[in-house]
Amino acid sequence: MDDVSNLREEGKFKESIKLAQVFISDLYGSLSLAYRHLHNLQEAKKAAEESVKIAKENNLKGDLARPLFNLAKVQEELGEISKAVVTYKESIGIFQQDNPKLHNRSGVLADMKIHLAVCEYKNGDRTALDRILQAINELDNSDEKTVSKYNFDVWMSGAYMNLAEILKDKKYLMKAKEIIDANPELKIRKEQWEKLNQNFL
C-alpha cells in the first residue's frame, strides 16, 4: 500500500484510487483463499465474486486476471468444472493481454496454466496432460524460486499432487512429498498431502 500513499503524495489522486482498488480486489481474493482452507466454499465464492466485481467496476484491466483465477479455483472445488475451465481461460487471456500491476510474473502465469490444464483434464480433455507437464516445466524454469521460494514450492507441490490425483499415480505424490519435506513452511500443503495420501493406502 506504500505505492498508493506515494501516488497520493505526488498529487496523482486518480492513479492512487485505481491502485487502491487493485489492492482491495486482491484482499477479497485472499479472503476467498482463507474460506477455501476452512472448507466454506459458499463464502469463498462470495469473496471471489466480490473481488471480480470490484476489478470490473473499476476497470482494473490486467488486474482482473487474478480475481477471475481465484473464482475459477472455487468453481473447480464446487464441481463446476466446465464453468471453471471458461473462467481460467478468461483469466489467462486477460493476464497475457493486459499486464496486471500485481503478481505479473512468469511463475504466476505458469501456475495459472497448470490449474487450467488440470481442470481441462478433469473435464474430459486427455490432451491436457501434455499442457500440464509443459506448464510445470515453465514454472520450473521461471524466476519464482528466487522471487518467492514459498510460492514456488506451494505451486510445484500442488501441481504434482494434482497429477497424482487425476492419474492415480503415486510417483507424483512422492515428488510432492520431497518438496514439502524440504520446506517446513508448507504446513497447509503437508496437511493436504496427508489427506490425499490416504487415497493411496
N, C-alpha and C. Protein backbone atom coordinates (compact mmCIF):
# COMPACT_ATOMS: atom_id res chain seq x y z
N MET A 1 0.81 -1.21 0.00
CA MET A 1 0.00 0.00 0.00
C MET A 1 0.85 1.27 0.00
N ASP A 2 2.15 1.12 0.21
CA ASP A 2 3.04 2.29 0.17
C ASP A 2 2.97 2.98 -1.19
N ASP A 3 2.80 2.18 -2.25
CA ASP A 3 2.71 2.75 -3.60
C ASP A 3 1.50 3.67 -3.71
N VAL A 4 0.40 3.29 -3.06
CA VAL A 4 -0.81 4.12 -3.07
C VAL A 4 -0.53 5.46 -2.39
N SER A 5 0.14 5.40 -1.23
CA SER A 5 0.48 6.63 -0.49
C SER A 5 1.40 7.52 -1.30
N ASN A 6 2.36 6.90 -1.97
CA ASN A 6 3.31 7.68 -2.78
C ASN A 6 2.61 8.42 -3.91
N LEU A 7 1.69 7.72 -4.58
CA LEU A 7 0.95 8.36 -5.67
C LEU A 7 0.10 9.52 -5.15
N ARG A 8 -0.50 9.31 -3.98
CA ARG A 8 -1.34 10.36 -3.39
C ARG A 8 -0.50 11.58 -3.05
N GLU A 9 0.68 11.35 -2.46
CA GLU A 9 1.56 12.46 -2.08
C GLU A 9 2.08 13.21 -3.30
N GLU A 10 2.16 12.49 -4.43
CA GLU A 10 2.61 13.14 -5.67
C GLU A 10 1.47 13.89 -6.36
N GLY A 11 0.28 13.86 -5.73
CA GLY A 11 -0.87 14.54 -6.31
C GLY A 11 -1.57 13.75 -7.40
N LYS A 12 -1.19 12.47 -7.56
CA LYS A 12 -1.82 11.60 -8.57
C LYS A 12 -2.98 10.85 -7.91
N PHE A 13 -4.04 11.61 -7.64
CA PHE A 13 -5.14 11.07 -6.84
C PHE A 13 -5.92 9.97 -7.57
N LYS A 14 -6.19 10.19 -8.85
CA LYS A 14 -6.92 9.17 -9.60
C LYS A 14 -6.13 7.87 -9.69
N GLU A 15 -4.83 8.00 -9.92
CA GLU A 15 -3.97 6.82 -10.00
C GLU A 15 -3.91 6.09 -8.66
N SER A 16 -3.88 6.88 -7.56
CA SER A 16 -3.81 6.26 -6.23
C SER A 16 -5.11 5.51 -5.92
N ILE A 17 -6.24 6.07 -6.35
CA ILE A 17 -7.53 5.40 -6.14
C ILE A 17 -7.57 4.09 -6.92
N LYS A 18 -7.12 4.15 -8.18
CA LYS A 18 -7.13 2.96 -9.03
C LYS A 18 -6.27 1.85 -8.42
N LEU A 19 -5.08 2.22 -7.94
CA LEU A 19 -4.20 1.22 -7.35
C LEU A 19 -4.77 0.68 -6.05
N ALA A 20 -5.41 1.54 -5.27
CA ALA A 20 -6.04 1.10 -4.02
C ALA A 20 -7.13 0.07 -4.31
N GLN A 21 -7.87 0.28 -5.40
CA GLN A 21 -8.91 -0.68 -5.78
C GLN A 21 -8.30 -2.02 -6.17
N VAL A 22 -7.12 -1.98 -6.78
CA VAL A 22 -6.41 -3.22 -7.11
C VAL A 22 -6.12 -3.99 -5.82
N PHE A 23 -5.61 -3.30 -4.81
CA PHE A 23 -5.29 -3.95 -3.54
C PHE A 23 -6.55 -4.48 -2.85
N ILE A 24 -7.66 -3.70 -2.92
CA ILE A 24 -8.91 -4.14 -2.31
C ILE A 24 -9.42 -5.41 -2.98
N SER A 25 -9.36 -5.42 -4.31
CA SER A 25 -9.77 -6.60 -5.06
C SER A 25 -8.91 -7.80 -4.67
N ASP A 26 -7.61 -7.57 -4.54
CA ASP A 26 -6.68 -8.64 -4.17
C ASP A 26 -6.97 -9.14 -2.75
N LEU A 27 -7.39 -8.23 -1.87
CA LEU A 27 -7.71 -8.60 -0.50
C LEU A 27 -8.89 -9.57 -0.46
N TYR A 28 -9.90 -9.32 -1.29
CA TYR A 28 -11.03 -10.24 -1.36
C TYR A 28 -10.58 -11.60 -1.90
N GLY A 29 -9.58 -11.60 -2.77
CA GLY A 29 -9.01 -12.86 -3.23
C GLY A 29 -8.37 -13.63 -2.09
N SER A 30 -7.70 -12.92 -1.20
CA SER A 30 -7.09 -13.56 -0.02
C SER A 30 -8.16 -14.11 0.91
N LEU A 31 -9.25 -13.36 1.05
CA LEU A 31 -10.38 -13.84 1.86
C LEU A 31 -10.95 -15.13 1.28
N SER A 32 -11.08 -15.15 -0.04
CA SER A 32 -11.60 -16.34 -0.71
C SER A 32 -10.72 -17.55 -0.43
N LEU A 33 -9.40 -17.34 -0.50
CA LEU A 33 -8.46 -18.44 -0.23
C LEU A 33 -8.60 -18.94 1.20
N ALA A 34 -8.73 -18.02 2.15
CA ALA A 34 -8.88 -18.41 3.57
C ALA A 34 -10.15 -19.23 3.77
N TYR A 35 -11.25 -18.80 3.14
CA TYR A 35 -12.50 -19.56 3.25
C TYR A 35 -12.37 -20.93 2.62
N ARG A 36 -11.61 -21.03 1.52
CA ARG A 36 -11.39 -22.34 0.90
C ARG A 36 -10.66 -23.27 1.85
N HIS A 37 -9.67 -22.75 2.56
CA HIS A 37 -8.93 -23.57 3.52
C HIS A 37 -9.84 -24.01 4.68
N LEU A 38 -10.85 -23.20 4.97
CA LEU A 38 -11.82 -23.54 6.02
C LEU A 38 -12.95 -24.43 5.47
N HIS A 39 -12.85 -24.77 4.19
CA HIS A 39 -13.85 -25.60 3.50
C HIS A 39 -15.23 -24.95 3.48
N ASN A 40 -15.25 -23.63 3.53
CA ASN A 40 -16.50 -22.88 3.42
C ASN A 40 -16.56 -22.32 1.99
N LEU A 41 -16.96 -23.17 1.06
CA LEU A 41 -16.85 -22.81 -0.35
C LEU A 41 -17.87 -21.76 -0.78
N GLN A 42 -19.01 -21.70 -0.08
CA GLN A 42 -20.00 -20.68 -0.44
C GLN A 42 -19.48 -19.28 -0.12
N GLU A 43 -18.85 -19.13 1.06
CA GLU A 43 -18.26 -17.83 1.41
C GLU A 43 -17.05 -17.54 0.54
N ALA A 44 -16.31 -18.59 0.19
CA ALA A 44 -15.16 -18.42 -0.71
C ALA A 44 -15.62 -17.90 -2.07
N LYS A 45 -16.74 -18.43 -2.54
CA LYS A 45 -17.27 -17.99 -3.84
C LYS A 45 -17.75 -16.54 -3.77
N LYS A 46 -18.42 -16.19 -2.67
CA LYS A 46 -18.89 -14.81 -2.50
C LYS A 46 -17.73 -13.83 -2.51
N ALA A 47 -16.66 -14.16 -1.78
CA ALA A 47 -15.49 -13.28 -1.71
C ALA A 47 -14.82 -13.16 -3.09
N ALA A 48 -14.72 -14.29 -3.79
CA ALA A 48 -14.10 -14.28 -5.13
C ALA A 48 -14.94 -13.45 -6.10
N GLU A 49 -16.25 -13.59 -6.01
CA GLU A 49 -17.14 -12.82 -6.89
C GLU A 49 -17.07 -11.32 -6.59
N GLU A 50 -16.90 -10.98 -5.30
CA GLU A 50 -16.76 -9.57 -4.93
C GLU A 50 -15.45 -9.01 -5.48
N SER A 51 -14.41 -9.82 -5.44
CA SER A 51 -13.11 -9.42 -5.99
C SER A 51 -13.23 -9.13 -7.49
N VAL A 52 -13.93 -10.01 -8.20
CA VAL A 52 -14.15 -9.82 -9.65
C VAL A 52 -14.98 -8.56 -9.89
N LYS A 53 -16.02 -8.37 -9.07
CA LYS A 53 -16.91 -7.22 -9.22
C LYS A 53 -16.14 -5.90 -9.07
N ILE A 54 -15.29 -5.82 -8.06
CA ILE A 54 -14.50 -4.60 -7.82
C ILE A 54 -13.57 -4.34 -9.00
N ALA A 55 -12.93 -5.41 -9.48
CA ALA A 55 -12.00 -5.28 -10.60
C ALA A 55 -12.71 -4.80 -11.86
N LYS A 56 -13.91 -5.33 -12.10
CA LYS A 56 -14.67 -4.94 -13.31
C LYS A 56 -15.20 -3.51 -13.18
N GLU A 57 -15.77 -3.18 -12.01
CA GLU A 57 -16.35 -1.85 -11.81
C GLU A 57 -15.31 -0.74 -11.92
N ASN A 58 -14.08 -1.07 -11.55
CA ASN A 58 -13.01 -0.07 -11.57
C ASN A 58 -12.10 -0.21 -12.79
N ASN A 59 -12.52 -1.06 -13.72
CA ASN A 59 -11.78 -1.25 -14.98
C ASN A 59 -10.29 -1.48 -14.72
N LEU A 60 -10.01 -2.48 -13.88
CA LEU A 60 -8.63 -2.73 -13.48
C LEU A 60 -7.81 -3.49 -14.53
N LYS A 61 -8.43 -3.76 -15.66
CA LYS A 61 -7.73 -4.34 -16.81
C LYS A 61 -6.99 -5.63 -16.42
N GLY A 62 -5.66 -5.63 -16.51
CA GLY A 62 -4.90 -6.84 -16.23
C GLY A 62 -5.12 -7.39 -14.83
N ASP A 63 -5.48 -6.52 -13.90
CA ASP A 63 -5.68 -6.97 -12.52
C ASP A 63 -7.05 -7.59 -12.29
N LEU A 64 -7.80 -7.81 -13.38
CA LEU A 64 -8.99 -8.65 -13.33
C LEU A 64 -8.59 -10.13 -13.43
N ALA A 65 -7.39 -10.40 -13.92
CA ALA A 65 -6.94 -11.78 -14.13
C ALA A 65 -6.92 -12.58 -12.84
N ARG A 66 -6.33 -12.00 -11.80
CA ARG A 66 -6.19 -12.74 -10.55
C ARG A 66 -7.54 -13.03 -9.88
N PRO A 67 -8.45 -12.04 -9.80
CA PRO A 67 -9.77 -12.33 -9.23
C PRO A 67 -10.51 -13.44 -9.99
N LEU A 68 -10.42 -13.43 -11.32
CA LEU A 68 -11.06 -14.49 -12.10
C LEU A 68 -10.40 -15.84 -11.82
N PHE A 69 -9.09 -15.84 -11.67
CA PHE A 69 -8.36 -17.07 -11.36
C PHE A 69 -8.83 -17.65 -10.01
N ASN A 70 -8.97 -16.77 -9.01
CA ASN A 70 -9.44 -17.23 -7.70
C ASN A 70 -10.86 -17.77 -7.78
N LEU A 71 -11.70 -17.11 -8.57
CA LEU A 71 -13.07 -17.58 -8.76
C LEU A 71 -13.09 -18.95 -9.43
N ALA A 72 -12.24 -19.12 -10.43
CA ALA A 72 -12.17 -20.41 -11.13
C ALA A 72 -11.79 -21.54 -10.18
N LYS A 73 -10.87 -21.27 -9.26
CA LYS A 73 -10.46 -22.31 -8.30
C LYS A 73 -11.62 -22.72 -7.41
N VAL A 74 -12.45 -21.75 -7.01
CA VAL A 74 -13.62 -22.08 -6.20
C VAL A 74 -14.63 -22.87 -7.02
N GLN A 75 -14.87 -22.43 -8.25
CA GLN A 75 -15.79 -23.16 -9.12
C GLN A 75 -15.35 -24.61 -9.30
N GLU A 76 -14.04 -24.79 -9.46
CA GLU A 76 -13.50 -26.15 -9.63
C GLU A 76 -13.76 -26.99 -8.38
N GLU A 77 -13.51 -26.42 -7.21
CA GLU A 77 -13.74 -27.16 -5.97
C GLU A 77 -15.21 -27.47 -5.75
N LEU A 78 -16.08 -26.61 -6.26
CA LEU A 78 -17.52 -26.84 -6.14
C LEU A 78 -18.02 -27.86 -7.16
N GLY A 79 -17.12 -28.32 -8.02
CA GLY A 79 -17.50 -29.30 -9.04
C GLY A 79 -18.06 -28.68 -10.30
N GLU A 80 -17.97 -27.34 -10.39
CA GLU A 80 -18.45 -26.64 -11.59
C GLU A 80 -17.30 -26.60 -12.62
N ILE A 81 -16.94 -27.78 -13.10
CA ILE A 81 -15.71 -27.93 -13.88
C ILE A 81 -15.75 -27.17 -15.20
N SER A 82 -16.86 -27.30 -15.93
CA SER A 82 -16.96 -26.61 -17.23
C SER A 82 -16.88 -25.09 -17.06
N LYS A 83 -17.57 -24.57 -16.03
CA LYS A 83 -17.52 -23.14 -15.73
C LYS A 83 -16.11 -22.72 -15.37
N ALA A 84 -15.44 -23.55 -14.58
CA ALA A 84 -14.08 -23.23 -14.13
C ALA A 84 -13.12 -23.14 -15.32
N VAL A 85 -13.27 -24.06 -16.28
CA VAL A 85 -12.41 -24.03 -17.48
C VAL A 85 -12.56 -22.69 -18.20
N VAL A 86 -13.81 -22.25 -18.38
CA VAL A 86 -14.07 -20.99 -19.06
C VAL A 86 -13.46 -19.82 -18.29
N THR A 87 -13.61 -19.83 -16.97
CA THR A 87 -13.09 -18.74 -16.14
C THR A 87 -11.56 -18.73 -16.12
N TYR A 88 -10.96 -19.91 -16.03
CA TYR A 88 -9.49 -20.00 -16.10
C TYR A 88 -8.98 -19.41 -17.42
N LYS A 89 -9.63 -19.78 -18.52
CA LYS A 89 -9.19 -19.30 -19.84
C LYS A 89 -9.31 -17.78 -19.94
N GLU A 90 -10.42 -17.24 -19.41
CA GLU A 90 -10.61 -15.79 -19.43
C GLU A 90 -9.51 -15.11 -18.61
N SER A 91 -9.22 -15.69 -17.46
CA SER A 91 -8.19 -15.14 -16.57
C SER A 91 -6.82 -15.08 -17.25
N ILE A 92 -6.44 -16.18 -17.86
CA ILE A 92 -5.13 -16.26 -18.52
C ILE A 92 -5.06 -15.31 -19.72
N GLY A 93 -6.16 -15.23 -20.48
CA GLY A 93 -6.20 -14.33 -21.62
C GLY A 93 -5.99 -12.88 -21.22
N ILE A 94 -6.66 -12.47 -20.13
CA ILE A 94 -6.52 -11.10 -19.63
C ILE A 94 -5.10 -10.86 -19.12
N PHE A 95 -4.55 -11.83 -18.39
CA PHE A 95 -3.19 -11.71 -17.86
C PHE A 95 -2.19 -11.47 -18.99
N GLN A 96 -2.31 -12.26 -20.05
CA GLN A 96 -1.36 -12.18 -21.15
C GLN A 96 -1.54 -10.91 -21.99
N GLN A 97 -2.76 -10.42 -22.05
CA GLN A 97 -3.05 -9.27 -22.91
C GLN A 97 -2.83 -7.93 -22.20
N ASP A 98 -3.18 -7.87 -20.91
CA ASP A 98 -3.27 -6.56 -20.25
C ASP A 98 -2.26 -6.29 -19.13
N ASN A 99 -1.31 -7.19 -18.91
CA ASN A 99 -0.22 -6.93 -17.95
C ASN A 99 -0.70 -6.39 -16.60
N PRO A 100 -1.06 -7.29 -15.66
CA PRO A 100 -1.50 -6.83 -14.34
C PRO A 100 -0.41 -6.09 -13.58
N LYS A 101 -0.84 -5.17 -12.69
CA LYS A 101 0.12 -4.44 -11.84
C LYS A 101 0.65 -5.36 -10.74
N LEU A 102 -0.23 -6.21 -10.20
CA LEU A 102 0.17 -7.14 -9.14
C LEU A 102 0.40 -8.54 -9.72
N HIS A 103 1.37 -9.23 -9.16
CA HIS A 103 1.60 -10.65 -9.50
C HIS A 103 1.92 -10.87 -10.97
N ASN A 104 2.58 -9.92 -11.61
CA ASN A 104 2.88 -10.04 -13.04
C ASN A 104 4.24 -10.71 -13.22
N ARG A 105 4.22 -12.05 -13.09
CA ARG A 105 5.47 -12.82 -13.20
C ARG A 105 5.22 -14.09 -14.00
N SER A 106 6.27 -14.57 -14.62
CA SER A 106 6.14 -15.78 -15.45
C SER A 106 5.74 -16.99 -14.61
N GLY A 107 6.20 -17.04 -13.36
CA GLY A 107 5.85 -18.16 -12.49
C GLY A 107 4.36 -18.17 -12.16
N VAL A 108 3.80 -16.99 -11.95
CA VAL A 108 2.36 -16.86 -11.69
C VAL A 108 1.57 -17.37 -12.89
N LEU A 109 1.98 -16.96 -14.08
CA LEU A 109 1.29 -17.40 -15.30
C LEU A 109 1.41 -18.92 -15.47
N ALA A 110 2.56 -19.47 -15.18
CA ALA A 110 2.75 -20.92 -15.30
C ALA A 110 1.81 -21.66 -14.34
N ASP A 111 1.68 -21.16 -13.12
CA ASP A 111 0.77 -21.78 -12.14
C ASP A 111 -0.67 -21.72 -12.65
N MET A 112 -1.05 -20.59 -13.24
CA MET A 112 -2.40 -20.45 -13.79
C MET A 112 -2.63 -21.47 -14.91
N LYS A 113 -1.62 -21.65 -15.76
CA LYS A 113 -1.73 -22.62 -16.86
C LYS A 113 -1.87 -24.05 -16.34
N ILE A 114 -1.16 -24.35 -15.26
CA ILE A 114 -1.26 -25.68 -14.65
C ILE A 114 -2.70 -25.92 -14.20
N HIS A 115 -3.27 -24.94 -13.49
CA HIS A 115 -4.64 -25.09 -12.99
C HIS A 115 -5.63 -25.28 -14.14
N LEU A 116 -5.47 -24.50 -15.20
CA LEU A 116 -6.36 -24.63 -16.34
C LEU A 116 -6.26 -26.03 -16.95
N ALA A 117 -5.05 -26.48 -17.20
CA ALA A 117 -4.87 -27.78 -17.86
C ALA A 117 -5.38 -28.92 -16.99
N VAL A 118 -5.16 -28.85 -15.69
CA VAL A 118 -5.69 -29.87 -14.78
C VAL A 118 -7.22 -29.90 -14.86
N CYS A 119 -7.81 -28.72 -14.87
CA CYS A 119 -9.27 -28.61 -14.94
C CYS A 119 -9.79 -29.15 -16.28
N GLU A 120 -9.07 -28.86 -17.36
CA GLU A 120 -9.45 -29.38 -18.67
C GLU A 120 -9.39 -30.91 -18.68
N TYR A 121 -8.36 -31.46 -18.03
CA TYR A 121 -8.24 -32.92 -17.93
C TYR A 121 -9.44 -33.50 -17.17
N LYS A 122 -9.80 -32.85 -16.06
CA LYS A 122 -10.96 -33.29 -15.28
C LYS A 122 -12.24 -33.20 -16.10
N ASN A 123 -12.25 -32.28 -17.06
CA ASN A 123 -13.43 -32.07 -17.91
C ASN A 123 -13.45 -33.02 -19.11
N GLY A 124 -12.49 -33.94 -19.14
CA GLY A 124 -12.50 -34.98 -20.16
C GLY A 124 -11.52 -34.81 -21.29
N ASP A 125 -10.72 -33.75 -21.27
CA ASP A 125 -9.74 -33.49 -22.34
C ASP A 125 -8.40 -34.13 -21.96
N ARG A 126 -8.16 -35.33 -22.49
CA ARG A 126 -6.94 -36.05 -22.12
C ARG A 126 -5.68 -35.45 -22.75
N THR A 127 -5.85 -34.62 -23.77
CA THR A 127 -4.68 -33.95 -24.36
C THR A 127 -4.11 -32.90 -23.40
N ALA A 128 -4.88 -32.56 -22.37
CA ALA A 128 -4.44 -31.54 -21.41
C ALA A 128 -3.23 -32.00 -20.59
N LEU A 129 -3.00 -33.33 -20.54
CA LEU A 129 -1.86 -33.83 -19.77
C LEU A 129 -0.55 -33.23 -20.27
N ASP A 130 -0.37 -33.16 -21.58
CA ASP A 130 0.85 -32.57 -22.14
C ASP A 130 0.99 -31.11 -21.72
N ARG A 131 -0.13 -30.39 -21.65
CA ARG A 131 -0.10 -28.98 -21.26
C ARG A 131 0.21 -28.82 -19.78
N ILE A 132 -0.23 -29.77 -18.97
CA ILE A 132 0.13 -29.74 -17.54
C ILE A 132 1.65 -29.86 -17.39
N LEU A 133 2.21 -30.85 -18.07
CA LEU A 133 3.65 -31.10 -17.96
C LEU A 133 4.45 -29.92 -18.52
N GLN A 134 3.96 -29.33 -19.60
CA GLN A 134 4.64 -28.17 -20.19
C GLN A 134 4.61 -26.99 -19.23
N ALA A 135 3.46 -26.76 -18.60
CA ALA A 135 3.33 -25.63 -17.66
C ALA A 135 4.18 -25.85 -16.41
N ILE A 136 4.30 -27.10 -15.97
CA ILE A 136 5.18 -27.42 -14.85
C ILE A 136 6.62 -27.08 -15.21
N ASN A 137 7.00 -27.40 -16.44
CA ASN A 137 8.35 -27.07 -16.91
C ASN A 137 8.56 -25.55 -16.96
N GLU A 138 7.51 -24.81 -17.38
CA GLU A 138 7.59 -23.35 -17.41
C GLU A 138 7.77 -22.79 -15.99
N LEU A 139 7.03 -23.36 -15.04
CA LEU A 139 7.17 -22.92 -13.65
C LEU A 139 8.58 -23.20 -13.14
N ASP A 140 9.09 -24.40 -13.47
CA ASP A 140 10.42 -24.79 -13.00
C ASP A 140 11.51 -23.88 -13.57
N ASN A 141 11.28 -23.37 -14.78
CA ASN A 141 12.28 -22.51 -15.43
C ASN A 141 12.02 -21.01 -15.21
N SER A 142 10.99 -20.69 -14.43
CA SER A 142 10.71 -19.28 -14.14
C SER A 142 11.63 -18.79 -13.03
N ASP A 143 11.53 -17.50 -12.71
CA ASP A 143 12.36 -16.94 -11.64
C ASP A 143 11.64 -16.99 -10.29
N GLU A 144 10.56 -17.76 -10.22
CA GLU A 144 9.76 -17.79 -8.99
C GLU A 144 10.56 -18.30 -7.79
N LYS A 145 11.52 -19.19 -8.05
CA LYS A 145 12.34 -19.73 -6.96
C LYS A 145 13.07 -18.62 -6.22
N THR A 146 13.52 -17.62 -6.98
CA THR A 146 14.26 -16.52 -6.35
C THR A 146 13.32 -15.42 -5.85
N VAL A 147 12.18 -15.26 -6.52
CA VAL A 147 11.22 -14.23 -6.10
C VAL A 147 10.52 -14.66 -4.82
N SER A 148 10.02 -15.89 -4.81
CA SER A 148 9.34 -16.43 -3.63
C SER A 148 9.46 -17.95 -3.62
N LYS A 149 10.44 -18.44 -2.86
CA LYS A 149 10.64 -19.90 -2.77
C LYS A 149 9.39 -20.56 -2.20
N TYR A 150 8.72 -19.87 -1.29
CA TYR A 150 7.50 -20.42 -0.69
C TYR A 150 6.44 -20.65 -1.78
N ASN A 151 6.17 -19.61 -2.58
CA ASN A 151 5.19 -19.75 -3.66
C ASN A 151 5.57 -20.88 -4.61
N PHE A 152 6.84 -20.89 -4.99
CA PHE A 152 7.31 -21.91 -5.93
C PHE A 152 7.05 -23.30 -5.37
N ASP A 153 7.40 -23.53 -4.12
CA ASP A 153 7.22 -24.85 -3.53
C ASP A 153 5.74 -25.22 -3.38
N VAL A 154 4.92 -24.24 -3.01
CA VAL A 154 3.47 -24.49 -2.90
C VAL A 154 2.91 -24.88 -4.26
N TRP A 155 3.25 -24.10 -5.29
CA TRP A 155 2.68 -24.34 -6.61
C TRP A 155 3.20 -25.64 -7.23
N MET A 156 4.49 -25.90 -7.08
CA MET A 156 5.05 -27.11 -7.68
C MET A 156 4.53 -28.37 -6.98
N SER A 157 4.48 -28.32 -5.66
CA SER A 157 3.96 -29.49 -4.93
C SER A 157 2.48 -29.68 -5.26
N GLY A 158 1.74 -28.58 -5.39
CA GLY A 158 0.33 -28.67 -5.76
C GLY A 158 0.13 -29.27 -7.13
N ALA A 159 1.00 -28.89 -8.06
CA ALA A 159 0.93 -29.44 -9.42
C ALA A 159 1.13 -30.95 -9.40
N TYR A 160 2.12 -31.40 -8.65
CA TYR A 160 2.38 -32.84 -8.57
C TYR A 160 1.23 -33.57 -7.87
N MET A 161 0.65 -32.95 -6.86
CA MET A 161 -0.48 -33.57 -6.17
C MET A 161 -1.69 -33.68 -7.10
N ASN A 162 -1.89 -32.66 -7.92
CA ASN A 162 -2.98 -32.72 -8.90
C ASN A 162 -2.75 -33.86 -9.90
N LEU A 163 -1.50 -34.00 -10.36
CA LEU A 163 -1.18 -35.10 -11.27
C LEU A 163 -1.42 -36.45 -10.61
N ALA A 164 -0.99 -36.58 -9.35
CA ALA A 164 -1.20 -37.83 -8.62
C ALA A 164 -2.68 -38.16 -8.53
N GLU A 165 -3.47 -37.13 -8.27
CA GLU A 165 -4.92 -37.34 -8.09
C GLU A 165 -5.60 -37.73 -9.40
N ILE A 166 -5.33 -37.00 -10.48
CA ILE A 166 -6.07 -37.27 -11.72
C ILE A 166 -5.55 -38.51 -12.45
N LEU A 167 -4.26 -38.85 -12.25
CA LEU A 167 -3.69 -40.01 -12.93
C LEU A 167 -3.64 -41.25 -12.04
N LYS A 168 -3.97 -41.05 -10.76
CA LYS A 168 -3.88 -42.14 -9.77
C LYS A 168 -2.47 -42.75 -9.77
N ASP A 169 -1.49 -41.86 -9.79
CA ASP A 169 -0.08 -42.27 -9.92
C ASP A 169 0.70 -41.77 -8.71
N LYS A 170 1.16 -42.72 -7.89
CA LYS A 170 1.81 -42.35 -6.63
C LYS A 170 3.17 -41.70 -6.81
N LYS A 171 3.80 -41.90 -7.97
CA LYS A 171 5.13 -41.31 -8.15
C LYS A 171 5.07 -39.78 -8.05
N TYR A 172 3.97 -39.19 -8.52
CA TYR A 172 3.81 -37.74 -8.43
C TYR A 172 3.54 -37.31 -6.99
N LEU A 173 2.87 -38.17 -6.25
CA LEU A 173 2.65 -37.88 -4.83
C LEU A 173 3.99 -37.83 -4.10
N MET A 174 4.91 -38.71 -4.49
CA MET A 174 6.23 -38.74 -3.86
C MET A 174 7.07 -37.52 -4.26
N LYS A 175 6.89 -37.06 -5.49
CA LYS A 175 7.58 -35.84 -5.92
C LYS A 175 7.12 -34.65 -5.09
N ALA A 176 5.80 -34.60 -4.83
CA ALA A 176 5.26 -33.53 -3.99
C ALA A 176 5.82 -33.63 -2.57
N LYS A 177 5.92 -34.84 -2.08
CA LYS A 177 6.41 -35.06 -0.70
C LYS A 177 7.84 -34.57 -0.53
N GLU A 178 8.68 -34.77 -1.54
CA GLU A 178 10.07 -34.31 -1.48
C GLU A 178 10.12 -32.79 -1.27
N ILE A 179 9.28 -32.07 -2.02
CA ILE A 179 9.24 -30.61 -1.91
C ILE A 179 8.72 -30.18 -0.55
N ILE A 180 7.64 -30.83 -0.11
CA ILE A 180 7.01 -30.48 1.17
C ILE A 180 7.95 -30.77 2.35
N ASP A 181 8.61 -31.92 2.31
CA ASP A 181 9.51 -32.29 3.42
C ASP A 181 10.71 -31.35 3.50
N ALA A 182 11.10 -30.77 2.37
CA ALA A 182 12.27 -29.90 2.34
C ALA A 182 11.96 -28.46 2.77
N ASN A 183 10.67 -28.14 2.91
CA ASN A 183 10.27 -26.78 3.28
C ASN A 183 9.27 -26.81 4.43
N PRO A 184 9.75 -26.59 5.67
CA PRO A 184 8.86 -26.65 6.83
C PRO A 184 7.77 -25.58 6.85
N GLU A 185 7.87 -24.58 5.97
CA GLU A 185 6.82 -23.55 5.90
C GLU A 185 5.53 -24.07 5.28
N LEU A 186 5.61 -25.18 4.57
CA LEU A 186 4.45 -25.69 3.83
C LEU A 186 3.53 -26.52 4.72
N LYS A 187 3.05 -25.91 5.79
CA LYS A 187 2.23 -26.65 6.77
C LYS A 187 0.87 -27.04 6.20
N ILE A 188 0.23 -26.10 5.51
CA ILE A 188 -1.09 -26.40 4.94
C ILE A 188 -0.96 -27.45 3.84
N ARG A 189 0.06 -27.28 3.00
CA ARG A 189 0.27 -28.24 1.91
C ARG A 189 0.55 -29.64 2.48
N LYS A 190 1.27 -29.70 3.60
CA LYS A 190 1.56 -31.01 4.21
C LYS A 190 0.28 -31.69 4.67
N GLU A 191 -0.63 -30.92 5.26
CA GLU A 191 -1.92 -31.48 5.68
C GLU A 191 -2.70 -31.98 4.48
N GLN A 192 -2.67 -31.20 3.40
CA GLN A 192 -3.38 -31.60 2.17
C GLN A 192 -2.77 -32.87 1.59
N TRP A 193 -1.44 -32.95 1.65
CA TRP A 193 -0.74 -34.14 1.13
C TRP A 193 -1.15 -35.38 1.92
N GLU A 194 -1.17 -35.25 3.24
CA GLU A 194 -1.51 -36.40 4.09
C GLU A 194 -2.93 -36.88 3.83
N LYS A 195 -3.83 -35.93 3.57
CA LYS A 195 -5.21 -36.29 3.25
C LYS A 195 -5.27 -37.03 1.92
N LEU A 196 -4.56 -36.51 0.90
CA LEU A 196 -4.55 -37.15 -0.40
C LEU A 196 -3.89 -38.52 -0.34
N ASN A 197 -2.86 -38.65 0.46
CA ASN A 197 -2.13 -39.90 0.60
C ASN A 197 -3.03 -41.04 1.08
N GLN A 198 -4.06 -40.69 1.84
CA GLN A 198 -4.99 -41.71 2.34
C GLN A 198 -5.65 -42.48 1.19
N ASN A 199 -5.78 -41.81 0.05
CA ASN A 199 -6.40 -42.46 -1.13
C ASN A 199 -5.48 -43.49 -1.77
N PHE A 200 -4.19 -43.46 -1.37
CA PHE A 200 -3.22 -44.38 -1.99
C PHE A 200 -2.81 -45.53 -1.07
N LEU A 201 -3.39 -45.55 0.13
CA LEU A 201 -3.03 -46.58 1.09
C LEU A 201 -3.77 -47.88 0.82
